[in-house]
Amino acid sequence: MSERVLVKQLQALPDGAVSVSGWVETVRDQKKVQFVILRDETGAVQLVNPATREVADDADAAASAALALTESISNLATGTFLTVHGELKHDERVKLGGVEIKVRALDIAAAALPETPIAADSGLDKRMDWRFLDLRQARNNLIFRVQTTLEHAMRTYWIERDYIEIHSPKLMSSPSESNAELFSMEYFEDKTAYLAQSPQHFKQMAQSAGFGKIFEIGDVFRADPSFTSRHATEFTSVDAEISWIDSHEDVARMQEELLQFAIQAVKDKHGADIEELFGIDVVVPTVPFPRIPLAEARETVKQRGYEIPRTDGDLDPEGERQVAAYIEETYGHQFVFVTDYHPEIRPYYHMRDPDTGLTKSYDLLFKGVEITTGAQREHRVRVLEEQAVEKGLDLAGVADYLDFFRYGTPPHGGFGMGLARLLMLLLGESSIREVTFLFRGPTRLAP
């Protein structure tokens, strides 16, 4: 018996015996010939079988086996997992890769039910109910190959620059940023634990520990009852923190280099496939990314004819889209750092500029959607305490965090970035549900 090969390997093989395993995508059961499209994790191949519809009662074993094979193929349901043994043949007339396999035998590993619960025109919620079937599509398979390349490239960038990877705990004894948007749970000895909103406290602790430069790619949790296309209650956050910075500009420069490096890797490996399946030409961003102060961004939005309804001085989603459109028109760039946020709309641990009173922070917009908040952190414990009290926080509730700064901490800063948002925008999808392996939201806990 031939060893199993992947579909993507077939073109490089000579004609001859071959075995391929995968699942049935379509069956065309014609009178004289049968065609099956078999797909595995790397692609699809056409199987062909000259149909034998009937044999004489005294037919030999070969004729009976041919009839049995025809009947087996006729009864195949979409989604059936099987291994095909047959003869590989190169034929440029075959549109699907220029190869096909003449079936000699089938080994059915697991037959599928004849009626599938979703179709090509099923709505998003229905597809999410049957996500494991939805993920069998070639474009969905590509999404997670792109995600793999994106994460690997980011790790490569950091590791080549001597960063340390950490895995911070997701169970916390106190809120990571505020009492809002928290999932709480019963813990031992009548204690309450919280699911981490971010690794913020712990990546700063790594600076106090003298780690210098760290990163983490891991789950975070937000008890946010939002039903927008870019929110989830559990998502993957990409975080980094670095010591000995002069301002948030050091963080921004690192992040723009990181994104340029990672997107280049995606384009190099998947650019042609992304263009074929998503109709997207991956644009590798140039550095530096454009910068615009928040006050200027708001004025630009106003001049473009849009009045931001928010009263806190921040941008709303339409305002972000307007800023991005202005940057695209002016600089031909898909990214923009919005800087210089007022302390009222920033966390207490963001450092403030002594000259302007504004925070040393930024939001990064990609194609009009915020994907990152970054900042220089306040590392002086007395200032931190003052700013926490100003925000109405109980110092006892953040005592463990404040302890990180009582024994010396270097000037530092970092960012947190939503992986799904980045992936969604990179591939031109309309919702993070499409690019999340298994989405979690206010009304979805399964599958």
Protein backbone atom coordinates (compact mmCIF):
# COMPACT_ATOMS: atom_id res chain seq x y z
CA MET A 1 0.00 0.00 0.00
CA SER A 2 1.31 3.45 -0.91
CA GLU A 3 2.07 5.96 1.86
CA ARG A 4 -0.36 8.82 2.26
CA VAL A 5 0.66 12.02 0.53
CA LEU A 6 -0.82 15.49 0.83
CA VAL A 7 -2.73 17.05 -2.04
CA LYS A 8 -0.21 19.85 -2.35
CA GLN A 9 2.52 17.26 -3.01
CA LEU A 10 0.77 15.60 -5.96
CA GLN A 11 1.96 17.92 -8.71
CA ALA A 12 5.59 17.13 -7.90
CA LEU A 13 5.05 13.35 -7.99
CA PRO A 14 5.37 11.16 -11.11
CA ASP A 15 2.41 9.23 -12.48
CA GLY A 16 1.80 6.05 -10.54
CA ALA A 17 0.32 4.55 -7.39
CA VAL A 18 -0.67 7.02 -4.69
CA SER A 19 -2.82 7.26 -1.56
CA VAL A 20 -4.52 10.46 -0.43
CA SER A 21 -6.71 11.00 2.64
CA GLY A 22 -9.28 13.73 3.17
CA TRP A 23 -12.98 14.48 3.08
CA VAL A 24 -15.51 14.47 0.26
CA GLU A 25 -16.34 17.95 -0.98
CA THR A 26 -18.53 17.10 -3.98
CA VAL A 27 -19.67 14.04 -5.95
CA ARG A 28 -20.71 14.11 -9.63
CA ASP A 29 -22.24 10.73 -10.31
CA GLN A 30 -22.66 10.57 -14.08
CA LYS A 31 -23.87 7.59 -16.10
CA LYS A 32 -20.50 6.53 -17.46
CA VAL A 33 -18.05 8.18 -15.12
CA GLN A 34 -17.90 9.40 -11.51
CA PHE A 35 -16.01 12.41 -10.25
CA VAL A 36 -15.25 13.16 -6.61
CA ILE A 37 -13.53 16.26 -5.29
CA LEU A 38 -11.50 15.19 -2.27
CA ARG A 39 -10.07 17.88 -0.01
CA ASP A 40 -7.42 17.64 2.69
CA GLU A 41 -5.79 20.30 4.82
CA THR A 42 -3.61 21.44 1.91
CA GLY A 43 -5.94 21.50 -1.08
CA ALA A 44 -8.32 19.55 -3.32
CA VAL A 45 -7.88 16.87 -5.98
CA GLN A 46 -10.20 15.28 -8.51
CA LEU A 47 -10.89 11.56 -8.27
CA VAL A 48 -12.24 9.76 -11.30
CA ASN A 49 -13.87 6.33 -11.66
CA PRO A 50 -15.25 4.75 -14.85
CA ALA A 51 -18.70 3.76 -13.60
CA THR A 52 -19.73 0.12 -13.66
CA ARG A 53 -23.50 0.04 -13.29
CA GLU A 54 -24.23 -3.68 -13.64
CA VAL A 55 -22.45 -7.01 -14.17
CA ALA A 56 -23.58 -10.49 -15.15
CA ASP A 57 -24.36 -13.04 -12.49
CA ASP A 58 -21.27 -15.03 -13.42
CA ALA A 59 -18.97 -11.95 -13.52
CA ASP A 60 -15.43 -12.40 -12.32
CA ALA A 61 -14.09 -10.87 -9.11
CA ALA A 62 -12.66 -7.80 -10.86
CA ALA A 63 -16.02 -6.89 -12.41
CA SER A 64 -17.82 -7.38 -9.11
CA ALA A 65 -15.24 -5.17 -7.34
CA ALA A 66 -15.72 -2.47 -9.99
CA LEU A 67 -19.48 -2.52 -9.40
CA ALA A 68 -19.00 -2.32 -5.63
CA LEU A 69 -16.66 0.64 -6.05
CA THR A 70 -19.19 2.47 -8.23
CA GLU A 71 -21.93 1.86 -5.68
CA SER A 72 -19.67 3.06 -2.85
CA ILE A 73 -18.95 6.31 -4.69
CA SER A 74 -22.65 6.80 -5.50
CA ASN A 75 -23.44 6.57 -1.79
CA LEU A 76 -20.74 8.98 -0.62
CA ALA A 77 -22.08 11.92 1.39
CA THR A 78 -20.42 15.29 1.49
CA GLY A 79 -18.03 15.41 4.43
CA THR A 80 -17.20 11.71 4.51
CA PHE A 81 -13.57 11.16 5.52
CA LEU A 82 -11.79 8.51 3.51
CA THR A 83 -8.51 7.36 2.00
CA VAL A 84 -8.34 6.78 -1.74
CA HIS A 85 -5.84 4.44 -3.33
CA GLY A 86 -5.33 4.86 -7.02
CA GLU A 87 -3.23 5.92 -9.96
CA LEU A 88 -2.03 9.50 -10.16
CA LYS A 89 -2.12 10.98 -13.65
CA HIS A 90 -0.93 14.39 -14.82
CA ASP A 91 -3.34 15.97 -17.30
CA GLU A 92 -3.22 19.68 -18.09
CA ARG A 93 -6.90 19.53 -19.07
CA VAL A 94 -7.84 18.96 -15.43
CA LYS A 95 -8.59 22.42 -14.06
CA LEU A 96 -7.95 21.42 -10.46
CA GLY A 97 -4.16 21.39 -10.32
CA GLY A 98 -3.55 19.56 -13.57
CA VAL A 99 -3.67 16.13 -11.87
CA GLU A 100 -6.30 13.53 -11.09
CA ILE A 101 -6.43 10.15 -9.40
CA LYS A 102 -8.06 7.13 -11.00
CA VAL A 103 -9.67 5.33 -8.07
CA ARG A 104 -8.61 1.77 -7.34
CA ALA A 105 -10.05 1.43 -3.82
CA LEU A 106 -11.63 3.50 -1.06
CA ASP A 107 -11.20 3.08 2.69
CA ILE A 108 -13.97 5.00 4.45
CA ALA A 109 -12.79 6.23 7.84
CA ALA A 110 -16.02 7.95 8.90
CA ALA A 111 -19.17 8.37 6.84
CA ALA A 112 -21.07 11.66 7.08
CA LEU A 113 -24.83 12.08 7.41
CA PRO A 114 -26.37 12.72 4.00
CA GLU A 115 -27.85 16.13 4.82
CA THR A 116 -25.44 18.84 6.02
CA PRO A 117 -26.83 21.47 8.43
CA ILE A 118 -25.22 24.45 6.67
CA ALA A 119 -24.91 25.56 3.06
CA ALA A 120 -22.88 28.11 1.14
CA ASP A 121 -25.58 30.74 1.71
CA SER A 122 -26.08 30.07 5.44
CA GLY A 123 -25.97 33.10 7.72
CA LEU A 124 -23.08 33.84 10.06
CA ASP A 125 -24.84 32.67 13.24
CA LYS A 126 -25.87 29.40 11.61
CA ARG A 127 -22.32 28.83 10.39
CA MET A 128 -21.01 29.55 13.90
CA ASP A 129 -23.38 26.86 15.25
CA TRP A 130 -21.62 24.37 12.98
CA ARG A 131 -18.19 25.96 13.00
CA PHE A 132 -16.27 22.71 12.49
CA LEU A 133 -18.07 22.26 9.16
CA ASP A 134 -17.68 25.92 8.24
CA LEU A 135 -13.93 25.67 8.79
CA ARG A 136 -13.61 23.05 6.05
CA GLN A 137 -13.78 25.80 3.43
CA ALA A 138 -10.49 26.58 1.71
CA ARG A 139 -10.68 30.27 2.60
CA ASN A 140 -11.23 29.50 6.28
CA ASN A 141 -8.32 27.10 6.25
CA LEU A 142 -6.21 29.91 4.79
CA ILE A 143 -7.28 32.31 7.55
CA PHE A 144 -5.61 30.17 10.17
CA ARG A 145 -2.54 29.54 8.07
CA VAL A 146 -2.19 33.31 7.80
CA GLN A 147 -2.71 33.62 11.55
CA THR A 148 0.02 31.03 12.13
CA THR A 149 2.44 32.89 9.87
CA LEU A 150 1.54 36.22 11.48
CA GLU A 151 2.19 34.96 15.01
CA HIS A 152 5.36 33.13 14.02
CA ALA A 153 6.71 36.25 12.32
CA MET A 154 5.99 38.42 15.36
CA ARG A 155 7.68 35.91 17.64
CA THR A 156 10.62 35.78 15.24
CA TYR A 157 10.95 39.58 15.27
CA TRP A 158 10.99 39.66 19.06
CA ILE A 159 13.19 36.62 19.63
CA GLU A 160 15.80 37.87 17.15
CA ARG A 161 15.94 41.05 19.25
CA ASP A 162 16.39 39.17 22.54
CA TYR A 163 12.88 39.59 23.96
CA ILE A 164 11.63 37.17 26.61
CA GLU A 165 8.27 35.45 26.10
CA ILE A 166 6.07 35.25 29.19
CA HIS A 167 2.80 33.48 29.99
CA SER A 168 0.97 35.52 32.59
CA PRO A 169 -1.79 34.06 34.78
CA LYS A 170 -5.39 34.49 33.68
CA LEU A 171 -6.75 34.17 37.22
CA MET A 172 -6.26 37.34 39.26
CA SER A 173 -7.01 38.31 42.85
CA SER A 174 -7.88 41.88 41.85
CA PRO A 175 -9.00 43.72 38.70
CA SER A 176 -6.27 44.30 36.13
CA GLU A 177 -7.40 47.79 35.15
CA SER A 178 -10.77 48.68 36.67
CA ASN A 179 -13.86 47.07 38.14
CA ALA A 180 -15.68 47.29 34.80
CA GLU A 181 -15.92 44.53 32.20
CA LEU A 182 -14.75 41.79 34.57
CA PHE A 183 -15.71 38.14 34.84
CA SER A 184 -15.60 37.06 38.47
CA MET A 185 -15.71 33.53 39.81
CA GLU A 186 -15.73 31.68 43.11
CA TYR A 187 -12.29 30.60 44.24
CA PHE A 188 -11.04 28.55 47.18
CA GLU A 189 -11.84 29.50 50.80
CA ASP A 190 -14.66 31.85 49.77
CA LYS A 191 -12.34 34.02 47.71
CA THR A 192 -13.28 35.78 44.49
CA ALA A 193 -11.05 35.53 41.44
CA TYR A 194 -11.21 37.52 38.22
CA LEU A 195 -10.42 36.51 34.66
CA ALA A 196 -7.66 38.78 33.37
CA GLN A 197 -8.71 41.65 31.11
CA SER A 198 -5.11 41.95 29.96
CA PRO A 199 -1.61 40.97 31.09
CA GLN A 200 -0.99 44.66 31.87
CA HIS A 201 0.05 44.28 35.50
CA PHE A 202 2.25 41.28 34.89
CA LYS A 203 4.09 42.58 31.86
CA GLN A 204 4.92 45.67 33.92
CA MET A 205 6.03 43.42 36.77
CA ALA A 206 8.51 41.88 34.31
CA GLN A 207 10.07 45.33 33.94
CA SER A 208 10.48 45.56 37.72
CA ALA A 209 12.00 42.08 37.57
CA GLY A 210 14.66 43.35 35.20
CA PHE A 211 13.53 41.34 32.14
CA GLY A 212 13.98 44.40 29.93
CA LYS A 213 11.95 43.37 26.87
CA ILE A 214 9.04 40.93 26.93
CA PHE A 215 6.10 39.79 24.84
CA GLU A 216 3.05 37.59 25.26
CA ILE A 217 0.40 36.21 22.92
CA GLY A 218 -2.48 34.88 25.00
CA ASP A 219 -6.16 34.92 25.90
CA VAL A 220 -7.84 37.80 27.71
CA PHE A 221 -11.43 38.20 28.87
CA ARG A 222 -13.84 41.15 28.82
CA ALA A 223 -17.34 41.02 30.29
CA ASP A 224 -18.45 43.52 27.68
CA PRO A 225 -22.04 43.02 26.42
CA SER A 226 -21.18 44.38 22.97
CA PHE A 227 -22.53 42.83 19.81
CA THR A 228 -20.37 44.71 17.32
CA SER A 229 -18.29 43.11 14.58
CA ARG A 230 -15.06 43.78 16.48
CA HIS A 231 -15.82 42.79 20.08
CA ALA A 232 -15.60 39.43 21.87
CA THR A 233 -15.71 38.29 25.48
CA GLU A 234 -12.61 36.14 24.99
CA PHE A 235 -9.92 37.01 22.50
CA THR A 236 -6.21 36.72 21.82
CA SER A 237 -4.14 39.72 22.81
CA VAL A 238 -0.68 40.45 21.45
CA ASP A 239 1.32 42.33 24.09
CA ALA A 240 4.82 43.71 24.44
CA GLU A 241 6.60 45.81 27.05
CA ILE A 242 10.09 47.34 26.95
CA SER A 243 12.32 49.08 29.48
CA TRP A 244 14.50 52.17 29.27
CA ILE A 245 12.35 54.18 26.89
CA ASP A 246 12.27 57.95 26.53
CA SER A 247 8.62 58.18 25.48
CA HIS A 248 5.75 56.31 23.87
CA GLU A 249 7.46 56.97 20.54
CA ASP A 250 9.94 54.19 21.35
CA VAL A 251 7.01 51.79 21.71
CA ALA A 252 5.37 53.03 18.50
CA ARG A 253 8.60 52.56 16.54
CA MET A 254 8.92 49.01 17.77
CA GLN A 255 5.32 48.20 16.89
CA GLU A 256 5.46 49.63 13.37
CA GLU A 257 8.62 47.62 12.66
CA LEU A 258 6.95 44.52 14.09
CA LEU A 259 3.89 44.92 11.87
CA GLN A 260 5.93 45.63 8.77
CA PHE A 261 7.98 42.48 9.44
CA ALA A 262 4.93 40.30 10.12
CA ILE A 263 2.83 41.52 7.19
CA GLN A 264 5.78 41.05 4.85
CA ALA A 265 5.98 37.43 6.01
CA VAL A 266 2.28 36.95 5.30
CA LYS A 267 2.59 38.47 1.83
CA ASP A 268 5.64 36.36 1.00
CA LYS A 269 4.02 33.08 2.02
CA HIS A 270 0.31 33.61 1.33
CA GLY A 271 -0.01 36.69 -0.89
CA ALA A 272 -1.12 34.82 -4.01
CA ASP A 273 -3.60 32.64 -2.12
CA ILE A 274 -5.07 35.66 -0.30
CA GLU A 275 -5.56 37.45 -3.61
CA GLU A 276 -7.25 34.38 -5.11
CA LEU A 277 -9.58 33.55 -2.19
CA PHE A 278 -10.17 36.98 -0.62
CA GLY A 279 -9.55 39.37 -3.49
CA ILE A 280 -7.11 41.29 -1.29
CA ASP A 281 -3.69 42.56 -2.32
CA VAL A 282 -1.68 42.49 0.90
CA VAL A 283 0.04 45.85 1.27
CA VAL A 284 3.23 45.82 3.34
CA PRO A 285 3.28 49.13 5.24
CA THR A 286 6.19 51.52 5.00
CA VAL A 287 7.72 52.94 8.15
CA PRO A 288 7.39 55.26 9.89
CA PHE A 289 3.59 55.17 10.09
CA PRO A 290 1.87 58.57 9.99
CA ARG A 291 1.14 60.25 13.35
CA ILE A 292 -1.66 62.66 14.22
CA PRO A 293 -2.48 64.19 17.64
CA LEU A 294 -6.00 63.50 18.89
CA ALA A 295 -6.97 67.19 18.86
CA GLU A 296 -5.88 67.52 15.24
CA ALA A 297 -7.66 64.28 14.37
CA ARG A 298 -10.93 65.58 15.83
CA GLU A 299 -10.59 68.86 13.94
CA THR A 300 -9.87 66.96 10.72
CA VAL A 301 -13.00 64.86 11.21
CA LYS A 302 -15.04 68.02 11.78
CA GLN A 303 -13.69 69.60 8.62
CA ARG A 304 -14.72 66.49 6.71
CA GLY A 305 -18.32 67.15 7.78
CA TYR A 306 -18.77 64.69 10.62
CA GLU A 307 -19.65 65.72 14.17
CA ILE A 308 -18.40 63.25 16.77
CA PRO A 309 -21.25 62.63 19.23
CA ARG A 310 -19.00 61.57 22.12
CA THR A 311 -18.59 64.13 24.87
CA ASP A 312 -15.40 62.71 26.43
CA GLY A 313 -13.09 64.02 23.71
CA ASP A 314 -12.31 60.64 22.16
CA LEU A 315 -13.02 59.40 18.64
CA ASP A 316 -15.98 57.18 17.86
CA PRO A 317 -15.86 54.42 15.21
CA GLU A 318 -17.00 56.73 12.42
CA GLY A 319 -14.49 59.32 13.54
CA GLU A 320 -11.75 56.67 13.33
CA ARG A 321 -12.86 55.81 9.80
CA GLN A 322 -12.76 59.48 8.82
CA VAL A 323 -9.26 59.92 10.22
CA ALA A 324 -8.09 56.81 8.36
CA ALA A 325 -9.65 58.05 5.13
CA TYR A 326 -7.82 61.38 5.52
CA ILE A 327 -4.51 59.60 6.13
CA GLU A 328 -5.06 57.30 3.15
CA GLU A 329 -5.83 60.27 0.91
CA THR A 330 -2.96 62.39 2.22
CA TYR A 331 -0.19 59.83 2.81
CA GLY A 332 -1.37 56.70 1.00
CA HIS A 333 -1.02 54.71 4.21
CA GLN A 334 -3.36 52.18 5.85
CA PHE A 335 -2.01 52.75 9.38
CA VAL A 336 -2.00 55.84 11.59
CA PHE A 337 -0.99 56.50 15.20
CA VAL A 338 -3.40 58.84 17.00
CA THR A 339 -1.45 60.39 19.89
CA ASP A 340 -1.71 62.75 22.88
CA TYR A 341 -4.85 61.58 24.67
CA HIS A 342 -6.31 63.45 27.64
CA PRO A 343 -5.88 61.68 31.01
CA GLU A 344 -9.65 61.53 31.49
CA ILE A 345 -9.94 58.96 28.71
CA ARG A 346 -6.83 56.98 29.59
CA PRO A 347 -5.98 54.55 32.43
CA TYR A 348 -4.33 55.86 35.57
CA TYR A 349 -1.03 54.11 34.80
CA HIS A 350 -0.38 56.10 31.60
CA MET A 351 2.42 58.64 32.07
CA ARG A 352 1.53 62.29 31.55
CA ASP A 353 3.62 64.87 29.76
CA PRO A 354 4.57 67.56 32.33
CA ASP A 355 4.41 70.28 29.66
CA THR A 356 1.03 69.49 28.08
CA GLY A 357 -0.70 67.41 30.77
CA LEU A 358 -1.64 64.91 28.07
CA THR A 359 -0.77 61.24 28.27
CA LYS A 360 2.22 59.77 26.51
CA SER A 361 0.04 57.30 24.66
CA TYR A 362 -1.40 56.36 21.31
CA ASP A 363 -4.06 54.34 19.54
CA LEU A 364 -3.12 52.59 16.31
CA LEU A 365 -5.75 52.53 13.57
CA PHE A 366 -5.59 50.05 10.69
CA LYS A 367 -8.00 50.64 7.82
CA GLY A 368 -10.08 52.85 10.10
CA VAL A 369 -10.35 50.46 13.05
CA GLU A 370 -8.47 50.70 16.34
CA ILE A 371 -6.27 47.64 16.86
CA THR A 372 -3.90 48.86 19.59
CA THR A 373 -3.48 51.07 22.60
CA GLY A 374 0.13 51.81 23.57
CA ALA A 375 1.79 54.11 26.07
CA GLN A 376 4.68 54.94 28.29
CA ARG A 377 3.75 53.79 31.80
CA GLU A 378 4.07 55.80 34.95
CA HIS A 379 6.82 54.04 36.95
CA ARG A 380 6.99 56.42 39.95
CA VAL A 381 4.87 54.87 42.68
CA ARG A 382 3.79 58.13 44.32
CA VAL A 383 2.57 59.51 41.03
CA LEU A 384 0.81 56.23 40.31
CA GLU A 385 -0.99 56.40 43.64
CA GLU A 386 -2.08 59.99 43.00
CA GLN A 387 -3.40 59.15 39.54
CA ALA A 388 -5.20 56.04 40.82
CA VAL A 389 -6.96 58.04 43.54
CA GLU A 390 -7.83 60.70 40.97
CA LYS A 391 -9.54 57.96 38.93
CA GLY A 392 -11.54 56.89 41.97
CA LEU A 393 -9.70 53.62 42.57
CA ASP A 394 -9.26 52.12 46.03
CA LEU A 395 -5.51 51.77 46.57
CA ALA A 396 -6.06 48.63 48.64
CA GLY A 397 -7.54 46.99 45.56
CA VAL A 398 -4.37 47.58 43.52
CA ALA A 399 -1.89 47.18 46.37
CA ASP A 400 -0.16 44.15 44.82
CA TYR A 401 0.30 46.06 41.57
CA LEU A 402 1.69 49.13 43.32
CA ASP A 403 4.18 46.94 45.17
CA PHE A 404 5.88 46.28 41.82
CA PHE A 405 7.10 49.90 41.85
CA ARG A 406 8.27 50.25 45.45
CA TYR A 407 11.68 48.66 44.92
CA GLY A 408 12.80 50.31 41.71
CA THR A 409 11.42 50.13 38.16
CA PRO A 410 12.96 51.46 34.93
CA PRO A 411 11.06 53.80 32.60
CA HIS A 412 9.01 51.52 30.40
CA GLY A 413 6.07 51.20 28.05
CA GLY A 414 4.24 48.82 25.79
CA PHE A 415 1.12 48.01 23.86
CA GLY A 416 -1.73 45.53 23.60
CA MET A 417 -3.13 44.55 20.20
CA GLY A 418 -6.12 42.42 19.26
CA LEU A 419 -4.97 39.57 17.02
CA ALA A 420 -8.42 38.93 15.54
CA ARG A 421 -8.92 42.59 14.63
CA LEU A 422 -5.58 42.67 12.86
CA LEU A 423 -6.38 39.47 10.99
CA MET A 424 -9.90 40.63 10.11
CA LEU A 425 -8.65 43.87 8.59
CA LEU A 426 -5.68 42.27 6.85
CA LEU A 427 -8.01 39.86 5.03
CA GLY A 428 -10.85 42.32 4.45
CA GLU A 429 -13.39 40.38 6.51
CA SER A 430 -16.42 42.08 8.05
CA SER A 431 -16.35 40.50 11.52
CA ILE A 432 -13.86 39.01 13.95
CA ARG A 433 -16.20 36.02 14.13
CA GLU A 434 -14.95 35.02 10.69
CA VAL A 435 -11.30 34.96 11.80
CA THR A 436 -11.73 33.49 15.29
CA PHE A 437 -11.41 29.73 15.60
CA LEU A 438 -14.31 29.51 18.08
CA PHE A 439 -15.92 32.86 18.86
CA ARG A 440 -17.09 33.78 22.34
CA GLY A 441 -19.59 36.60 22.81
CA PRO A 442 -22.45 37.57 25.16
CA THR A 443 -24.77 34.95 23.66
CA ARG A 444 -22.27 32.34 22.46
CA LEU A 445 -20.55 29.74 24.62
CA ALA A 446 -20.75 26.80 22.20
CA PRO A 447 -19.44 25.01 20.30
